[in-house]
Amino acid sequence: MKKRQFRRAFSLVPLLSTAALAAALAGPLSAQTPAADISARVGDFSLLDQHGYFHHMSWYDNRKAIVLLVQANGSTAFRQALPTFSALQAAHKDDFQFFMLNPLGESRASVIDAVAEAGDTIPVLIDDAQLIAEAMNVQTAGEALIYDPRSFRLVYRGPVSGLEKALSEIDAGQTVSNPVMAVTGEAIQYAARDHNMARTVSYSKEVAPILAQNCASCHRDGGIAPFALDSHSMAQGWSPMIREVLMTKRMPPGQIDPHVGDFVNSYTVSPEDQQTILHWIAQGAQRDGDADPLAELVWPATEWAFGEPDLILELPPQVIPATGVLDYRNVVVPFDGLTEDRWVRASQYIAGDRTVLHHTLNSILPPGSNGERRFLGGGSSADEANITAYIPGAEPSHEPENTGGLLKAGSALALQLHYTTNGRETVDNSKIGIWFYPKDQVPEKRMSGQCACIFTPEWTHIPPNDPDFEQSQSITVPRDAYLHAFLPHMHFRGKRMRFEATYPDGSSEELINIANYNYNWQLRYQLREPKLVPAGTVITAVGAFDNSSQNKMNPDPNRLVPWGLQSWDEMFFGSVSWQYVDPEPAAVETASVQ
């Protein structure tokens, strides 16, 4: 597909100023630097490339190895090594995966320009936090590395001149005979590592607050996570797992590209915080002081975020068996106790058993409806209330100021419930709290939006064994509006989705990049500040499916996949929520995944 370059890019090496960045490359070509040992296990890892595409190393375990060239802007050693590296890529691309690695976290735009100037298109993995380069003990620009995506170890480190022999030996099933060779190149500096390892990283003052902010809401007693991070001993005991999920970007869940947009719930740990945690682990994950901030965390005694609700909707008890894979459950619950139409300002879903309830999809059935559910893509009035669904880790829903939707007496709520088993039989008694505006107050603003959805007959079946089958759909914002949120929805084969805006003047901008879509974490990403777009703006959702055997969640890579409601079929929905600048309510048809 066409690679796009968008307006916003950031992330230089943490703790380095812009002026100091150039100093991260130590001057002219050094004398031959003795290559570092390769016996240490690197571990699995994931990085985004210069175009925002996600690469997880274990996904490439069907390749004989991953070959890397250390790239740095302005590096003479890199420019000298690139022609040989590119020639090897052309000769061995069917058996080996080739990447470049930028260990300095340089901006995407600058990396794109540098690689284009060098006349190459090989993806460059950008190591924003320098953690991967540090784990590999990368020493110089222009250095070549061979990484085994099964053992997660380096099997070669040295100049590109040694790659041909090493690749031939790996191709023949042999051990690399000369795995460590000296390299000539500009030395890579590690300011954050040197800063942290020259001192003792504090658990109580640095690490515990990071874990409390990013992990503890789920990793606590009664939370949805499989273990609690509620003390130093638990954090220390789980420190190898913490390192692994940070290196692979598996946790926190639902991460999006931090270089695009500014979202309340991006769930991305900053490079500085990642460095702090991993360097603390490298120092032995020790405790300092008498206080244990994680053990002292106190969660609110009340279960309701906004006080006692005006209306509580209780779902029928759901008996969940101890084991097995459960199909989605559909229930319809009337709004008993609602005797008159009311404007909704907030709602909250409280799971009866968060260890088994994974997520829900909700849809309001208005009075007199035929019961048809509109979980995915059906139309609804902009005046209609939004009753929040349940998503792990999500906050209760509160409408923006002076914004709301009408909940009519006689309505019902249709819910689709996704449960997972946890080894013991349990009963989920979930409930939903709803808060109304005062009876004499009608909010002036409405939340609206549309869905960039693909249905049959427009749907194109996903070919068998295709690792990156792309589809797209566009919608047009009819009036000046403030964009508020984005929600992607695909099934097990969903791989990635971007939302891009094309403005009436012909310019374009990327709005959000869900680079590593995960069916298990279907999040609605809320902009920190609403974004004004003019009437006529076209928003395009561009997504892709991985129908290959490398997708470990794929039910059947040999299947031609149709559109369908079941998770073994597929869907493509890119919902966008917005609020019109004109406060006058309008009967605008919307389509959204609740």
Foldseek 3Di string as FASTA:
>chain_A
DDQDDFDFKDFWAPPADPVCLVVLFPPAKDPFDFFDDFPDFLAWFWFAWLRGFIDTLLLPLQALWEKEAEDDPPWPLQLVQVVLLVVVCVVCVVRYHYEYEHLGQDISVRVVVRQVVSPDDHTYGYNRLSSSCVSRVPWFHQWMWIANSVRRTTQAIEHSVLVVQCVVQSVVVHRRPCRTDTYIHGTGHRVLLVVPVVDAQACAPAVLVLCVVQPQQQQPVLHQDPHHPQWLVVCLVCLVVVLNCLRHVPPPHQAFDPRFAAFPPNSHDDSSSNSSSVSNVVVRSDHDDDDTVSNPDDDDPDPDPPPAFPAKWKDDKDKDAQADADFKDKDKTARPPPPFKFWFFWKDKDKQRSNWWQKKFKDKAAAPHPPDGQQFFDKDWLQAFDHDIDHRPDDTDGDPPLETHMDGHRMMMMMITGTHHNRHIDMMIMMMGTHTDPPVDHRLWTKFWAKQWDDPPRDDWDAFAAAWAKDKGKDFAAAWWWWWKKWKDKALFWAWKWKKKQAPVGDIHTRIISNGDDNSGTDITTGPGTHIGGGGIMIMMMTTTGLRVSSVSQPHRNDRAADDDGRNHIITIMIIMIIHPPSHRDRDIYHDND
